[in-house]
Each structure stands twice: as structure tokens, then as C-alpha cells.
Amino acid sequence: MAQATFSVRMDENLKKQFDVLCSDFGMTASTAINVFARAVVRERKIPFEIVSPEPEFNRVKVMQAFMTLRDSAKDKGLQDMTLDDINEEIRLARYREDNK
């Protein structure tokens, strides 16, 4: 079977850790990558679950927060503030924090 070269870039520290672990398993990093590739081809999937952590904010949570703030502003009679009014409130809040 003809051989091909496969080059991968990774963090140097990660590579060192991977090399040590592969050695503990009695194989080279190249062998481990080949084992992984064979499993992917055989199973026709990544042989472990890859998940993304839930984002801190999603559309539903952001809309819920917005509606809560909107209701709070209405309860406090602030729903009719102009952009200038809002910017002045922000400026005052920053001024108070800077002078603590």
C-alpha cells in the first residue's frame, strides 16, 4: 500500500503531551493518528462526541431579558425616555462609579 504524508499543526505543548501519552500506549503519534483515521472511515463518523458548550446567550434568553427590562422600565415610568435621556443616565451612573 502506498504511503502518504499528512501534516498537522498543533500547539507545541499539546504535541508533547500527545507524544508522551501515545508512548505510554506503546505507539507513536503517527500510529495513533492512523488508528483514529481508520476508526473514522470504518464508522463513517467521528468516534467520539464533539459538543459545543451552550452559548451564554441565545435568542430566547436575550428576548426574555429584554422583555423583563422593558416591563421594569414601564413599571417605573421610564418607557418614554429619549436616547439623550438614556445617555445622560449612563453618564451619571459612570460618574457615580468613578467617584466612589
Protein backbone atom coordinates (compact mmCIF):
# COMPACT_ATOMS: atom_id res chain seq x y z
CA MET A 1 0.00 0.00 0.00
CA ALA A 2 1.39 3.41 -0.97
CA GLN A 3 2.10 5.80 1.88
CA ALA A 4 1.16 9.49 2.00
CA THR A 5 2.33 12.23 4.34
CA PHE A 6 -0.21 14.04 6.50
CA SER A 7 0.97 17.21 8.24
CA VAL A 8 -0.90 18.68 11.21
CA ARG A 9 -0.21 21.90 13.06
CA MET A 10 -0.90 21.95 16.79
CA ASP A 11 0.22 23.64 19.94
CA GLU A 12 3.75 22.52 20.86
CA ASN A 13 2.77 21.66 24.44
CA LEU A 14 -0.22 19.63 23.22
CA LYS A 15 2.06 17.70 20.84
CA LYS A 16 4.49 16.88 23.66
CA GLN A 17 1.64 15.65 25.86
CA PHE A 18 0.20 13.64 22.97
CA ASP A 19 3.59 12.06 22.19
CA VAL A 20 4.07 11.03 25.84
CA LEU A 21 0.58 9.54 26.07
CA CYS A 22 1.00 7.67 22.78
CA SER A 23 4.30 6.31 24.07
CA ASP A 24 2.52 5.14 27.22
CA PHE A 25 0.13 3.27 24.92
CA GLY A 26 3.10 1.70 23.13
CA MET A 27 2.64 3.55 19.86
CA THR A 28 3.84 6.63 18.02
CA ALA A 29 1.73 9.71 17.39
CA SER A 30 1.64 8.67 13.73
CA THR A 31 0.18 5.29 14.67
CA ALA A 32 -2.42 6.96 16.91
CA ILE A 33 -3.49 9.27 14.08
CA ASN A 34 -3.76 6.25 11.76
CA VAL A 35 -5.91 4.43 14.35
CA PHE A 36 -8.15 7.50 14.55
CA ALA A 37 -8.40 7.81 10.74
CA ARG A 38 -9.26 4.11 10.36
CA ALA A 39 -11.99 4.40 13.02
CA VAL A 40 -13.47 7.46 11.28
CA VAL A 41 -13.53 5.67 7.91
CA ARG A 42 -14.86 2.41 9.38
CA GLU A 43 -17.58 4.05 11.49
CA ARG A 44 -18.24 6.86 8.99
CA LYS A 45 -18.32 9.27 11.93
CA ILE A 46 -16.01 10.84 14.49
CA PRO A 47 -15.61 8.05 17.08
CA PHE A 48 -16.39 10.34 19.99
CA GLU A 49 -18.92 13.05 20.68
CA ILE A 50 -17.91 16.59 19.78
CA VAL A 51 -20.10 19.14 21.51
CA SER A 52 -20.09 22.86 21.82
CA PRO A 53 -20.90 24.32 25.19
CA GLU A 54 -24.23 26.11 25.20
CA PRO A 55 -23.62 29.75 24.38
CA GLU A 56 -24.11 32.07 27.31
CA PHE A 57 -26.74 33.92 25.37
CA ASN A 58 -29.23 32.56 22.93
CA ARG A 59 -32.07 34.33 21.18
CA VAL A 60 -34.75 33.14 23.62
CA LYS A 61 -32.77 34.16 26.72
CA VAL A 62 -31.90 37.54 25.23
CA MET A 63 -35.54 38.22 24.33
CA GLN A 64 -36.65 37.18 27.83
CA ALA A 65 -34.11 39.57 29.36
CA PHE A 66 -35.21 42.36 27.03
CA MET A 67 -38.88 41.85 27.88
CA THR A 68 -38.09 41.83 31.60
CA LEU A 69 -36.19 45.10 31.27
CA ARG A 70 -38.96 46.59 29.14
CA ASP A 71 -41.60 45.63 31.73
CA SER A 72 -39.43 47.07 34.50
CA ALA A 73 -39.00 50.33 32.59
CA LYS A 74 -42.77 50.53 32.05
CA ASP A 75 -43.45 49.88 35.75
CA LYS A 76 -41.07 52.70 36.67
CA GLY A 77 -42.47 55.10 34.06
CA LEU A 78 -39.25 55.08 32.05
CA GLN A 79 -40.53 53.67 28.77
CA ASP A 80 -40.72 57.11 27.14
CA MET A 81 -37.09 58.11 27.75
CA THR A 82 -35.31 59.59 24.75
CA LEU A 83 -31.89 58.46 23.62
CA ASP A 84 -30.47 61.64 25.12
CA ASP A 85 -32.16 60.82 28.44
CA ILE A 86 -30.70 57.32 28.37
CA ASN A 87 -27.22 58.59 27.56
CA GLU A 88 -27.44 61.10 30.41
CA GLU A 89 -28.42 58.29 32.82
CA ILE A 90 -25.41 56.28 31.65
CA ARG A 91 -23.12 59.29 32.07
CA LEU A 92 -24.40 59.90 35.60
CA ALA A 93 -24.03 56.23 36.55
CA ARG A 94 -20.42 56.23 35.29
CA TYR A 95 -19.73 59.47 37.15
CA ARG A 96 -21.06 57.97 40.39
CA GLU A 97 -18.89 54.85 39.94
CA ASP A 98 -15.76 56.90 39.21
CA ASN A 99 -16.28 58.97 42.38
CA LYS A 100 -16.77 56.11 44.84
